[in-house]
N, C-alpha and C. Protein backbone atom coordinates (compact mmCIF):
# COMPACT_ATOMS: atom_id res chain seq x y z
N MET A 1 0.83 -1.21 0.00
CA MET A 1 0.00 0.00 0.00
C MET A 1 0.86 1.26 0.00
N THR A 2 2.03 1.18 0.63
CA THR A 2 2.90 2.36 0.69
C THR A 2 3.31 2.80 -0.71
N ARG A 3 3.66 1.84 -1.56
CA ARG A 3 4.06 2.19 -2.93
C ARG A 3 2.88 2.69 -3.75
N ILE A 4 1.71 2.09 -3.54
CA ILE A 4 0.52 2.54 -4.26
C ILE A 4 0.18 3.97 -3.87
N PHE A 5 0.17 4.23 -2.57
CA PHE A 5 -0.17 5.58 -2.12
C PHE A 5 0.87 6.59 -2.59
N LEU A 6 2.13 6.21 -2.55
CA LEU A 6 3.18 7.12 -3.01
C LEU A 6 2.98 7.47 -4.48
N GLY A 7 2.59 6.48 -5.27
CA GLY A 7 2.38 6.71 -6.69
C GLY A 7 1.22 7.64 -6.98
N ILE A 8 0.06 7.37 -6.36
CA ILE A 8 -1.11 8.18 -6.65
C ILE A 8 -0.99 9.57 -6.02
N ALA A 9 -0.32 9.66 -4.87
CA ALA A 9 -0.11 10.97 -4.26
C ALA A 9 0.85 11.81 -5.10
N SER A 10 1.87 11.17 -5.66
CA SER A 10 2.80 11.90 -6.53
C SER A 10 2.09 12.41 -7.77
N LEU A 11 1.19 11.59 -8.33
CA LEU A 11 0.40 12.02 -9.49
C LEU A 11 -0.45 13.23 -9.14
N ALA A 12 -1.09 13.19 -7.97
CA ALA A 12 -1.94 14.32 -7.55
C ALA A 12 -1.11 15.59 -7.37
N ILE A 13 0.07 15.46 -6.80
CA ILE A 13 0.93 16.64 -6.59
C ILE A 13 1.38 17.21 -7.93
N LEU A 14 1.74 16.33 -8.87
CA LEU A 14 2.14 16.81 -10.21
C LEU A 14 0.99 17.55 -10.88
N MET A 15 -0.22 17.04 -10.73
CA MET A 15 -1.38 17.72 -11.32
C MET A 15 -1.62 19.07 -10.64
N LEU A 16 -1.42 19.12 -9.32
CA LEU A 16 -1.58 20.38 -8.61
C LEU A 16 -0.57 21.42 -9.10
N VAL A 17 0.68 21.00 -9.22
CA VAL A 17 1.73 21.92 -9.65
C VAL A 17 1.48 22.38 -11.09
N ALA A 18 1.09 21.43 -11.95
CA ALA A 18 0.84 21.78 -13.35
C ALA A 18 -0.32 22.77 -13.47
N THR A 19 -1.38 22.55 -12.71
CA THR A 19 -2.52 23.47 -12.74
C THR A 19 -2.13 24.84 -12.20
N LEU A 20 -1.31 24.86 -11.14
CA LEU A 20 -0.85 26.13 -10.57
C LEU A 20 0.02 26.90 -11.56
N LEU A 21 0.96 26.19 -12.21
CA LEU A 21 1.83 26.85 -13.17
C LEU A 21 1.04 27.39 -14.36
N LEU A 22 0.04 26.63 -14.79
CA LEU A 22 -0.79 27.10 -15.89
C LEU A 22 -1.54 28.37 -15.50
N GLY A 23 -2.05 28.39 -14.27
CA GLY A 23 -2.74 29.59 -13.81
C GLY A 23 -1.82 30.79 -13.71
N LEU A 24 -0.57 30.56 -13.27
CA LEU A 24 0.39 31.65 -13.20
C LEU A 24 0.75 32.15 -14.60
N TYR A 25 0.84 31.21 -15.54
CA TYR A 25 1.17 31.61 -16.91
C TYR A 25 0.06 32.43 -17.54
N ILE A 26 -1.18 32.05 -17.26
CA ILE A 26 -2.32 32.78 -17.82
C ILE A 26 -2.39 34.18 -17.24
N GLY A 27 -2.18 34.28 -15.92
CA GLY A 27 -2.26 35.59 -15.29
C GLY A 27 -3.70 35.98 -14.98
N ASP A 28 -3.94 37.27 -14.93
CA ASP A 28 -5.25 37.80 -14.60
C ASP A 28 -6.14 37.81 -15.85
N LEU A 29 -7.21 37.03 -15.79
CA LEU A 29 -8.12 36.95 -16.93
C LEU A 29 -8.97 38.21 -17.08
N HIS A 30 -8.87 39.13 -16.17
CA HIS A 30 -9.63 40.37 -16.26
C HIS A 30 -8.89 41.43 -17.09
N GLN A 31 -7.66 41.13 -17.49
CA GLN A 31 -6.89 42.08 -18.28
C GLN A 31 -7.34 42.07 -19.74
N PRO A 32 -6.99 43.09 -20.52
CA PRO A 32 -7.44 43.18 -21.92
C PRO A 32 -6.96 42.03 -22.79
N HIS A 33 -5.82 41.42 -22.45
CA HIS A 33 -5.28 40.36 -23.30
C HIS A 33 -5.94 39.01 -23.04
N ALA A 34 -6.92 38.96 -22.18
CA ALA A 34 -7.49 37.69 -21.76
C ALA A 34 -8.13 36.91 -22.91
N ASP A 35 -8.64 37.61 -23.92
CA ASP A 35 -9.30 36.91 -25.03
C ASP A 35 -8.34 36.02 -25.78
N SER A 36 -7.06 36.37 -25.82
CA SER A 36 -6.08 35.59 -26.57
C SER A 36 -5.72 34.28 -25.89
N ILE A 37 -6.05 34.15 -24.63
CA ILE A 37 -5.71 32.93 -23.89
C ILE A 37 -6.97 32.26 -23.34
N ALA A 38 -8.05 32.46 -24.06
CA ALA A 38 -9.33 31.88 -23.60
C ALA A 38 -9.27 30.36 -23.53
N GLU A 39 -8.59 29.75 -24.53
CA GLU A 39 -8.50 28.29 -24.53
C GLU A 39 -7.68 27.79 -23.34
N LEU A 40 -6.59 28.48 -23.02
CA LEU A 40 -5.80 28.09 -21.86
C LEU A 40 -6.58 28.26 -20.57
N ALA A 41 -7.39 29.30 -20.53
CA ALA A 41 -8.23 29.51 -19.35
C ALA A 41 -9.22 28.36 -19.20
N TRP A 42 -9.76 27.89 -20.32
CA TRP A 42 -10.68 26.75 -20.28
C TRP A 42 -9.96 25.50 -19.77
N VAL A 43 -8.73 25.29 -20.24
CA VAL A 43 -7.94 24.13 -19.78
C VAL A 43 -7.66 24.26 -18.28
N HIS A 44 -7.35 25.47 -17.84
CA HIS A 44 -7.05 25.68 -16.42
C HIS A 44 -8.26 25.36 -15.55
N ARG A 45 -9.43 25.77 -16.00
CA ARG A 45 -10.64 25.49 -15.22
C ARG A 45 -10.86 23.99 -15.06
N TRP A 46 -10.81 23.28 -16.17
CA TRP A 46 -11.10 21.84 -16.13
C TRP A 46 -9.98 21.04 -15.50
N SER A 47 -8.74 21.49 -15.65
CA SER A 47 -7.64 20.80 -14.98
C SER A 47 -7.74 20.99 -13.47
N GLY A 48 -8.23 22.16 -13.05
CA GLY A 48 -8.44 22.38 -11.62
C GLY A 48 -9.49 21.46 -11.06
N ILE A 49 -10.57 21.27 -11.81
CA ILE A 49 -11.64 20.37 -11.36
C ILE A 49 -11.13 18.92 -11.31
N ALA A 50 -10.42 18.50 -12.37
CA ALA A 50 -9.89 17.14 -12.41
C ALA A 50 -8.88 16.91 -11.29
N THR A 51 -8.02 17.89 -11.05
CA THR A 51 -7.03 17.77 -9.98
C THR A 51 -7.69 17.66 -8.62
N ALA A 52 -8.72 18.47 -8.41
CA ALA A 52 -9.44 18.40 -7.13
C ALA A 52 -10.05 17.02 -6.92
N LEU A 53 -10.61 16.43 -7.96
CA LEU A 53 -11.19 15.09 -7.85
C LEU A 53 -10.13 14.06 -7.52
N VAL A 54 -8.96 14.18 -8.13
CA VAL A 54 -7.87 13.23 -7.86
C VAL A 54 -7.39 13.37 -6.42
N VAL A 55 -7.27 14.60 -5.95
CA VAL A 55 -6.84 14.82 -4.55
C VAL A 55 -7.85 14.21 -3.58
N VAL A 56 -9.12 14.42 -3.84
CA VAL A 56 -10.16 13.83 -2.99
C VAL A 56 -10.08 12.30 -3.05
N LEU A 57 -9.86 11.75 -4.25
CA LEU A 57 -9.78 10.30 -4.40
C LEU A 57 -8.61 9.73 -3.61
N VAL A 58 -7.46 10.37 -3.69
CA VAL A 58 -6.27 9.88 -2.97
C VAL A 58 -6.54 9.85 -1.47
N ASN A 59 -7.13 10.90 -0.95
CA ASN A 59 -7.42 10.94 0.48
C ASN A 59 -8.50 9.94 0.87
N CYS A 60 -9.47 9.72 0.00
CA CYS A 60 -10.49 8.70 0.27
C CYS A 60 -9.88 7.31 0.31
N ILE A 61 -8.91 7.05 -0.55
CA ILE A 61 -8.22 5.76 -0.55
C ILE A 61 -7.48 5.57 0.77
N ALA A 62 -6.83 6.63 1.24
CA ALA A 62 -6.12 6.54 2.52
C ALA A 62 -7.08 6.26 3.67
N ILE A 63 -8.21 6.96 3.67
CA ILE A 63 -9.20 6.74 4.73
C ILE A 63 -9.75 5.32 4.68
N THR A 64 -10.08 4.85 3.48
CA THR A 64 -10.60 3.49 3.33
C THR A 64 -9.58 2.46 3.78
N TYR A 65 -8.32 2.71 3.46
CA TYR A 65 -7.25 1.78 3.87
C TYR A 65 -7.21 1.65 5.39
N PHE A 66 -7.26 2.76 6.09
CA PHE A 66 -7.17 2.70 7.54
C PHE A 66 -8.42 2.09 8.16
N ILE A 67 -9.58 2.37 7.58
CA ILE A 67 -10.80 1.77 8.11
C ILE A 67 -10.74 0.25 8.00
N GLY A 68 -10.35 -0.24 6.82
CA GLY A 68 -10.31 -1.68 6.59
C GLY A 68 -9.22 -2.38 7.37
N THR A 69 -8.01 -1.86 7.34
CA THR A 69 -6.89 -2.55 7.97
C THR A 69 -6.94 -2.46 9.50
N SER A 70 -7.43 -1.36 10.03
CA SER A 70 -7.53 -1.27 11.49
C SER A 70 -8.56 -2.26 12.02
N ARG A 71 -9.64 -2.44 11.27
CA ARG A 71 -10.63 -3.44 11.64
C ARG A 71 -10.03 -4.84 11.57
N TRP A 72 -9.24 -5.09 10.54
CA TRP A 72 -8.58 -6.39 10.39
C TRP A 72 -7.64 -6.63 11.56
N CYS A 73 -6.87 -5.62 11.94
CA CYS A 73 -5.94 -5.76 13.06
C CYS A 73 -6.68 -6.13 14.34
N LYS A 74 -7.80 -5.49 14.58
CA LYS A 74 -8.58 -5.76 15.79
C LYS A 74 -9.12 -7.18 15.79
N GLU A 75 -9.68 -7.62 14.67
CA GLU A 75 -10.26 -8.96 14.61
C GLU A 75 -9.21 -10.05 14.74
N VAL A 76 -8.08 -9.88 14.08
CA VAL A 76 -7.01 -10.88 14.16
C VAL A 76 -6.42 -10.92 15.56
N ALA A 77 -6.23 -9.74 16.16
CA ALA A 77 -5.67 -9.70 17.51
C ALA A 77 -6.61 -10.38 18.51
N GLU A 78 -7.92 -10.19 18.35
CA GLU A 78 -8.87 -10.84 19.25
C GLU A 78 -8.93 -12.34 19.01
N THR A 79 -8.84 -12.75 17.75
CA THR A 79 -8.91 -14.17 17.43
C THR A 79 -7.72 -14.94 17.99
N TYR A 80 -6.52 -14.37 17.83
CA TYR A 80 -5.30 -15.05 18.28
C TYR A 80 -4.82 -14.57 19.64
N ARG A 81 -5.60 -13.71 20.30
CA ARG A 81 -5.28 -13.21 21.63
C ARG A 81 -3.89 -12.58 21.66
N LEU A 82 -3.67 -11.65 20.75
CA LEU A 82 -2.39 -10.97 20.68
C LEU A 82 -2.37 -9.79 21.65
N ASP A 83 -1.19 -9.18 21.74
CA ASP A 83 -1.02 -8.03 22.63
C ASP A 83 -1.95 -6.89 22.21
N SER A 84 -2.70 -6.36 23.16
CA SER A 84 -3.65 -5.30 22.86
C SER A 84 -2.96 -4.02 22.40
N GLN A 85 -1.67 -3.89 22.66
CA GLN A 85 -0.93 -2.70 22.23
C GLN A 85 -0.88 -2.61 20.71
N LEU A 86 -0.92 -3.74 20.03
CA LEU A 86 -0.93 -3.73 18.57
C LEU A 86 -2.20 -3.07 18.05
N VAL A 87 -3.32 -3.41 18.66
CA VAL A 87 -4.60 -2.80 18.27
C VAL A 87 -4.60 -1.32 18.60
N ALA A 88 -4.05 -0.97 19.76
CA ALA A 88 -4.00 0.43 20.17
C ALA A 88 -3.14 1.26 19.22
N ARG A 89 -2.02 0.71 18.78
CA ARG A 89 -1.16 1.41 17.83
C ARG A 89 -1.86 1.60 16.50
N SER A 90 -2.57 0.58 16.06
CA SER A 90 -3.31 0.67 14.80
C SER A 90 -4.37 1.76 14.87
N ALA A 91 -5.12 1.79 15.95
CA ALA A 91 -6.17 2.80 16.10
C ALA A 91 -5.58 4.21 16.20
N ALA A 92 -4.45 4.33 16.90
CA ALA A 92 -3.82 5.64 17.04
C ALA A 92 -3.34 6.18 15.69
N LEU A 93 -2.77 5.32 14.86
CA LEU A 93 -2.31 5.74 13.54
C LEU A 93 -3.48 6.16 12.66
N LYS A 94 -4.60 5.45 12.79
CA LYS A 94 -5.80 5.84 12.03
C LYS A 94 -6.29 7.21 12.46
N ARG A 95 -6.32 7.45 13.76
CA ARG A 95 -6.78 8.76 14.25
C ARG A 95 -5.84 9.88 13.83
N GLN A 96 -4.55 9.59 13.72
CA GLN A 96 -3.59 10.61 13.30
C GLN A 96 -3.71 10.93 11.82
N ALA A 97 -4.07 9.95 11.01
CA ALA A 97 -4.13 10.16 9.55
C ALA A 97 -5.41 10.85 9.11
N PHE A 98 -6.51 10.58 9.80
CA PHE A 98 -7.80 11.11 9.37
C PHE A 98 -7.84 12.64 9.27
N PRO A 99 -7.36 13.39 10.27
CA PRO A 99 -7.44 14.86 10.15
C PRO A 99 -6.68 15.40 8.94
N TRP A 100 -5.54 14.83 8.62
CA TRP A 100 -4.79 15.28 7.45
C TRP A 100 -5.56 15.03 6.17
N ALA A 101 -6.16 13.85 6.06
CA ALA A 101 -6.90 13.51 4.85
C ALA A 101 -8.13 14.40 4.67
N VAL A 102 -8.89 14.58 5.74
CA VAL A 102 -10.11 15.38 5.65
C VAL A 102 -9.77 16.85 5.37
N THR A 103 -8.75 17.37 6.05
CA THR A 103 -8.37 18.77 5.86
C THR A 103 -7.86 19.01 4.44
N ALA A 104 -7.09 18.06 3.91
CA ALA A 104 -6.59 18.21 2.54
C ALA A 104 -7.74 18.29 1.54
N MET A 105 -8.78 17.49 1.76
CA MET A 105 -9.93 17.55 0.86
C MET A 105 -10.66 18.89 0.98
N LEU A 106 -10.77 19.40 2.19
CA LEU A 106 -11.42 20.70 2.38
C LEU A 106 -10.60 21.82 1.75
N VAL A 107 -9.28 21.70 1.83
CA VAL A 107 -8.41 22.74 1.27
C VAL A 107 -8.54 22.79 -0.25
N VAL A 108 -8.56 21.62 -0.90
CA VAL A 108 -8.64 21.63 -2.36
C VAL A 108 -10.01 22.12 -2.82
N VAL A 109 -11.06 21.80 -2.07
CA VAL A 109 -12.38 22.31 -2.41
C VAL A 109 -12.42 23.83 -2.23
N GLY A 110 -11.80 24.31 -1.16
CA GLY A 110 -11.75 25.75 -0.95
C GLY A 110 -10.96 26.47 -2.03
N THR A 111 -9.88 25.84 -2.51
CA THR A 111 -9.06 26.46 -3.56
C THR A 111 -9.83 26.62 -4.86
N ILE A 112 -10.53 25.56 -5.27
CA ILE A 112 -11.28 25.68 -6.53
C ILE A 112 -12.50 26.59 -6.35
N SER A 113 -12.99 26.71 -5.12
CA SER A 113 -14.09 27.65 -4.88
C SER A 113 -13.61 29.09 -5.06
N LEU A 114 -12.39 29.37 -4.58
CA LEU A 114 -11.82 30.69 -4.80
C LEU A 114 -11.58 30.94 -6.29
N GLY A 115 -11.19 29.89 -7.00
CA GLY A 115 -11.00 30.03 -8.45
C GLY A 115 -12.29 30.35 -9.16
N ALA A 116 -13.36 29.68 -8.73
CA ALA A 116 -14.67 29.96 -9.33
C ALA A 116 -15.12 31.38 -9.03
N ALA A 117 -14.82 31.85 -7.82
CA ALA A 117 -15.20 33.22 -7.45
C ALA A 117 -14.43 34.25 -8.26
N ALA A 118 -13.17 33.91 -8.66
CA ALA A 118 -12.34 34.86 -9.41
C ALA A 118 -12.53 34.75 -10.93
N ASP A 119 -13.31 33.78 -11.37
CA ASP A 119 -13.47 33.56 -12.81
C ASP A 119 -14.35 34.65 -13.42
N PRO A 120 -13.83 35.39 -14.42
CA PRO A 120 -14.65 36.45 -15.04
C PRO A 120 -15.82 35.93 -15.85
N VAL A 121 -15.87 34.62 -16.10
CA VAL A 121 -16.99 34.04 -16.84
C VAL A 121 -18.27 34.13 -16.01
N ARG A 122 -18.13 34.19 -14.71
CA ARG A 122 -19.31 34.29 -13.84
C ARG A 122 -20.08 35.57 -14.14
N PRO A 123 -21.39 35.48 -14.26
CA PRO A 123 -22.21 36.69 -14.56
C PRO A 123 -22.45 37.54 -13.32
N ARG A 124 -21.37 37.88 -12.63
CA ARG A 124 -21.49 38.72 -11.44
C ARG A 124 -20.35 39.72 -11.42
N ALA A 125 -20.58 40.85 -10.84
CA ALA A 125 -19.54 41.88 -10.74
C ALA A 125 -18.65 41.61 -9.54
N GLY A 126 -17.41 42.11 -9.62
CA GLY A 126 -16.49 41.99 -8.50
C GLY A 126 -15.65 40.74 -8.49
N THR A 127 -15.66 39.97 -9.59
CA THR A 127 -14.86 38.75 -9.61
C THR A 127 -13.36 39.06 -9.56
N GLU A 128 -12.96 40.24 -10.04
CA GLU A 128 -11.54 40.59 -10.03
C GLU A 128 -10.99 40.72 -8.61
N GLN A 129 -11.86 40.93 -7.63
CA GLN A 129 -11.42 41.05 -6.25
C GLN A 129 -10.96 39.72 -5.66
N TRP A 130 -11.33 38.62 -6.33
CA TRP A 130 -10.98 37.30 -5.83
C TRP A 130 -9.72 36.73 -6.48
N VAL A 131 -9.09 37.47 -7.36
CA VAL A 131 -7.91 36.95 -8.06
C VAL A 131 -6.76 36.70 -7.09
N ILE A 132 -6.43 37.69 -6.27
CA ILE A 132 -5.32 37.54 -5.32
C ILE A 132 -5.64 36.48 -4.25
N PRO A 133 -6.83 36.49 -3.66
CA PRO A 133 -7.14 35.40 -2.72
C PRO A 133 -7.01 34.02 -3.34
N HIS A 134 -7.43 33.90 -4.61
CA HIS A 134 -7.31 32.60 -5.29
C HIS A 134 -5.84 32.23 -5.48
N LEU A 135 -5.02 33.18 -5.84
CA LEU A 135 -3.60 32.91 -6.04
C LEU A 135 -2.93 32.50 -4.73
N VAL A 136 -3.20 33.26 -3.68
CA VAL A 136 -2.61 32.93 -2.37
C VAL A 136 -3.13 31.58 -1.88
N GLY A 137 -4.42 31.37 -2.04
CA GLY A 137 -5.01 30.10 -1.63
C GLY A 137 -4.43 28.92 -2.39
N ALA A 138 -4.17 29.11 -3.70
CA ALA A 138 -3.60 28.03 -4.50
C ALA A 138 -2.18 27.71 -4.05
N LEU A 139 -1.37 28.73 -3.81
CA LEU A 139 0.01 28.52 -3.37
C LEU A 139 0.06 27.80 -2.02
N LEU A 140 -0.71 28.31 -1.07
CA LEU A 140 -0.74 27.68 0.24
C LEU A 140 -1.40 26.30 0.19
N GLY A 141 -2.43 26.17 -0.66
CA GLY A 141 -3.12 24.89 -0.76
C GLY A 141 -2.24 23.79 -1.30
N VAL A 142 -1.47 24.07 -2.33
CA VAL A 142 -0.58 23.06 -2.90
C VAL A 142 0.46 22.62 -1.86
N ALA A 143 1.01 23.60 -1.14
CA ALA A 143 2.01 23.28 -0.12
C ALA A 143 1.39 22.42 1.00
N PHE A 144 0.19 22.79 1.45
CA PHE A 144 -0.45 22.05 2.53
C PHE A 144 -0.81 20.63 2.09
N ILE A 145 -1.37 20.49 0.91
CA ILE A 145 -1.79 19.17 0.44
C ILE A 145 -0.58 18.26 0.28
N ALA A 146 0.53 18.79 -0.24
CA ALA A 146 1.75 17.99 -0.36
C ALA A 146 2.22 17.53 1.02
N TRP A 147 2.18 18.43 2.00
CA TRP A 147 2.59 18.05 3.36
C TRP A 147 1.62 17.03 3.97
N ALA A 148 0.32 17.19 3.70
CA ALA A 148 -0.66 16.23 4.20
C ALA A 148 -0.43 14.85 3.61
N PHE A 149 -0.12 14.79 2.32
CA PHE A 149 0.19 13.51 1.70
C PHE A 149 1.40 12.86 2.37
N PHE A 150 2.41 13.68 2.67
CA PHE A 150 3.61 13.15 3.32
C PHE A 150 3.27 12.57 4.69
N ARG A 151 2.45 13.29 5.46
CA ARG A 151 2.08 12.80 6.77
C ARG A 151 1.23 11.53 6.68
N GLU A 152 0.34 11.47 5.71
CA GLU A 152 -0.45 10.26 5.51
C GLU A 152 0.43 9.09 5.10
N TYR A 153 1.42 9.36 4.25
CA TYR A 153 2.34 8.29 3.84
C TYR A 153 3.10 7.75 5.04
N GLN A 154 3.53 8.62 5.93
CA GLN A 154 4.22 8.17 7.14
C GLN A 154 3.33 7.27 7.98
N ARG A 155 2.09 7.66 8.16
CA ARG A 155 1.17 6.86 8.97
C ARG A 155 0.90 5.51 8.30
N ILE A 156 0.77 5.50 6.98
CA ILE A 156 0.53 4.24 6.27
C ILE A 156 1.73 3.32 6.42
N ALA A 157 2.94 3.86 6.32
CA ALA A 157 4.15 3.05 6.47
C ALA A 157 4.23 2.47 7.89
N GLU A 158 3.91 3.28 8.89
CA GLU A 158 3.93 2.80 10.27
C GLU A 158 2.86 1.74 10.49
N HIS A 159 1.70 1.94 9.88
CA HIS A 159 0.62 0.96 10.03
C HIS A 159 0.98 -0.35 9.34
N HIS A 160 1.67 -0.27 8.23
CA HIS A 160 2.13 -1.47 7.55
C HIS A 160 3.07 -2.27 8.45
N ALA A 161 3.91 -1.56 9.21
CA ALA A 161 4.80 -2.24 10.15
C ALA A 161 4.01 -2.97 11.23
N VAL A 162 2.92 -2.35 11.70
CA VAL A 162 2.06 -3.00 12.69
C VAL A 162 1.45 -4.28 12.11
N ILE A 163 0.99 -4.20 10.87
CA ILE A 163 0.40 -5.38 10.22
C ILE A 163 1.43 -6.49 10.11
N GLU A 164 2.67 -6.14 9.77
CA GLU A 164 3.73 -7.14 9.66
C GLU A 164 4.00 -7.79 11.02
N GLU A 165 3.94 -7.02 12.09
CA GLU A 165 4.13 -7.59 13.42
C GLU A 165 3.01 -8.58 13.75
N ILE A 166 1.78 -8.20 13.40
CA ILE A 166 0.65 -9.10 13.66
C ILE A 166 0.79 -10.38 12.86
N LEU A 167 1.16 -10.26 11.59
CA LEU A 167 1.34 -11.45 10.76
C LEU A 167 2.44 -12.34 11.30
N ALA A 168 3.52 -11.74 11.78
CA ALA A 168 4.62 -12.52 12.35
C ALA A 168 4.16 -13.30 13.58
N GLU A 169 3.35 -12.64 14.44
CA GLU A 169 2.83 -13.32 15.63
C GLU A 169 1.89 -14.46 15.24
N VAL A 170 1.06 -14.22 14.23
CA VAL A 170 0.13 -15.26 13.78
C VAL A 170 0.90 -16.45 13.22
N ARG A 171 1.92 -16.18 12.42
CA ARG A 171 2.73 -17.29 11.87
C ARG A 171 3.40 -18.08 12.99
N LYS A 172 3.85 -17.38 14.00
CA LYS A 172 4.50 -18.05 15.12
C LYS A 172 3.52 -18.95 15.86
N ILE A 173 2.32 -18.42 16.13
CA ILE A 173 1.32 -19.20 16.85
C ILE A 173 0.88 -20.40 16.03
N ARG A 174 0.63 -20.18 14.75
CA ARG A 174 0.20 -21.29 13.90
C ARG A 174 1.31 -22.30 13.72
N GLY A 175 2.55 -21.83 13.65
CA GLY A 175 3.68 -22.75 13.54
C GLY A 175 3.82 -23.61 14.78
N GLU A 176 3.64 -23.02 15.96
CA GLU A 176 3.70 -23.80 17.19
C GLU A 176 2.57 -24.81 17.25
N GLY A 177 1.38 -24.42 16.77
CA GLY A 177 0.26 -25.34 16.76
C GLY A 177 0.49 -26.52 15.83
N LEU A 178 1.04 -26.24 14.65
CA LEU A 178 1.33 -27.32 13.71
C LEU A 178 2.43 -28.21 14.25
N GLY A 179 3.41 -27.59 14.93
CA GLY A 179 4.50 -28.39 15.50
C GLY A 179 3.99 -29.33 16.57
N ALA A 180 3.07 -28.84 17.40
CA ALA A 180 2.50 -29.71 18.45
C ALA A 180 1.69 -30.83 17.83
N ARG A 181 0.98 -30.56 16.78
CA ARG A 181 0.16 -31.58 16.14
C ARG A 181 1.05 -32.65 15.50
N ASP A 182 2.13 -32.17 14.81
CA ASP A 182 3.05 -33.12 14.19
C ASP A 182 3.74 -33.97 15.24
N SER A 183 4.05 -33.38 16.41
CA SER A 183 4.68 -34.13 17.48
C SER A 183 3.75 -35.20 18.00
N GLY A 184 2.47 -34.86 18.13
CA GLY A 184 1.50 -35.84 18.59
C GLY A 184 1.33 -36.98 17.61
N LEU A 185 1.36 -36.67 16.32
CA LEU A 185 1.26 -37.73 15.31
C LEU A 185 2.48 -38.62 15.35
N GLY A 186 3.65 -38.00 15.58
CA GLY A 186 4.87 -38.79 15.65
C GLY A 186 4.86 -39.76 16.81
N GLU A 187 4.36 -39.31 17.96
CA GLU A 187 4.29 -40.18 19.12
C GLU A 187 3.31 -41.31 18.88
N ALA A 188 2.20 -41.00 18.21
CA ALA A 188 1.21 -42.04 17.94
C ALA A 188 1.76 -43.09 17.00
N ARG A 189 2.57 -42.65 16.01
CA ARG A 189 3.15 -43.60 15.06
C ARG A 189 4.24 -44.44 15.71
N ALA A 190 4.96 -43.81 16.67
CA ALA A 190 6.05 -44.54 17.32
C ALA A 190 5.55 -45.53 18.35
N LYS A 191 4.34 -45.36 18.85
CA LYS A 191 3.79 -46.23 19.89
C LYS A 191 3.50 -47.60 19.30
N PRO A 192 4.00 -48.67 19.95
CA PRO A 192 3.76 -50.02 19.41
C PRO A 192 2.28 -50.37 19.43
N ARG A 193 1.86 -51.06 18.42
CA ARG A 193 0.46 -51.42 18.31
C ARG A 193 0.20 -52.71 19.06
N THR A 194 -0.90 -52.75 19.77
CA THR A 194 -1.30 -53.95 20.51
C THR A 194 -2.23 -54.77 19.64
N PRO A 195 -2.44 -56.03 19.97
CA PRO A 195 -3.36 -56.85 19.17
C PRO A 195 -4.75 -56.26 19.10
N ASN A 196 -5.20 -55.61 20.20
CA ASN A 196 -6.56 -55.03 20.20
C ASN A 196 -6.67 -53.85 19.27
N SER A 197 -5.51 -53.19 19.03
CA SER A 197 -5.56 -52.00 18.17
C SER A 197 -5.44 -52.35 16.73
N GLU A 198 -5.10 -53.64 16.40
CA GLU A 198 -4.95 -54.01 15.01
C GLU A 198 -6.33 -54.13 14.37
N SER A 199 -6.39 -53.77 13.16
CA SER A 199 -7.66 -53.89 12.46
C SER A 199 -8.00 -55.33 12.17
N ARG A 200 -9.20 -55.68 12.35
CA ARG A 200 -9.66 -57.03 12.10
C ARG A 200 -10.19 -57.15 10.67
N ILE A 201 -9.86 -58.28 10.09
CA ILE A 201 -10.35 -58.53 8.71
C ILE A 201 -11.64 -59.31 8.83
N PRO A 202 -12.71 -58.83 8.36
CA PRO A 202 -13.99 -59.55 8.50
C PRO A 202 -13.98 -60.85 7.72
N ASN A 203 -14.72 -61.86 8.28
CA ASN A 203 -14.83 -63.15 7.59
C ASN A 203 -15.68 -62.98 6.35
N PRO A 204 -15.32 -63.72 5.33
CA PRO A 204 -16.11 -63.63 4.09
C PRO A 204 -17.51 -64.21 4.29
């Protein structure tokens, strides 16, 4: 999961940076030259929407991962009577990751909302007043979302280590159980058979 999350988070960051650079290149759409870059402005709008959806998707994947794996950790620990600290660590990592994921989604929604408010296509006056807030929000938003992804990646890596510990304990317990069973079979095979234990052949 760590490699998967790193890949999709990197894609989301690249899309964020590309959308930001495109917006900086376009500049203020309220200026007289805006008609010459109308197509780029259209691309910027839709790339912003697509990027926001990808950012939300990445954070949803992280949340789903923690919901599923933390539940798995709890059930396995209860089944094999493992140390309760493993479950506590899993739950703590989930609680630490959730605020970053939720806040990152809110930040990207807020950023595109500022972009919509600054868009001169809107049939309302005063959209030029939102250009600077949108620019500042985009710069801060990209930085925050990248940092949130990093923090989520750390929590996922730590949670993966917890899962590996649980799997190691389960393998150990199951290995001891199989060893005891094999030992019992060995003793039964080594025990001499008595006449009463021999199978009788029925008369024809």
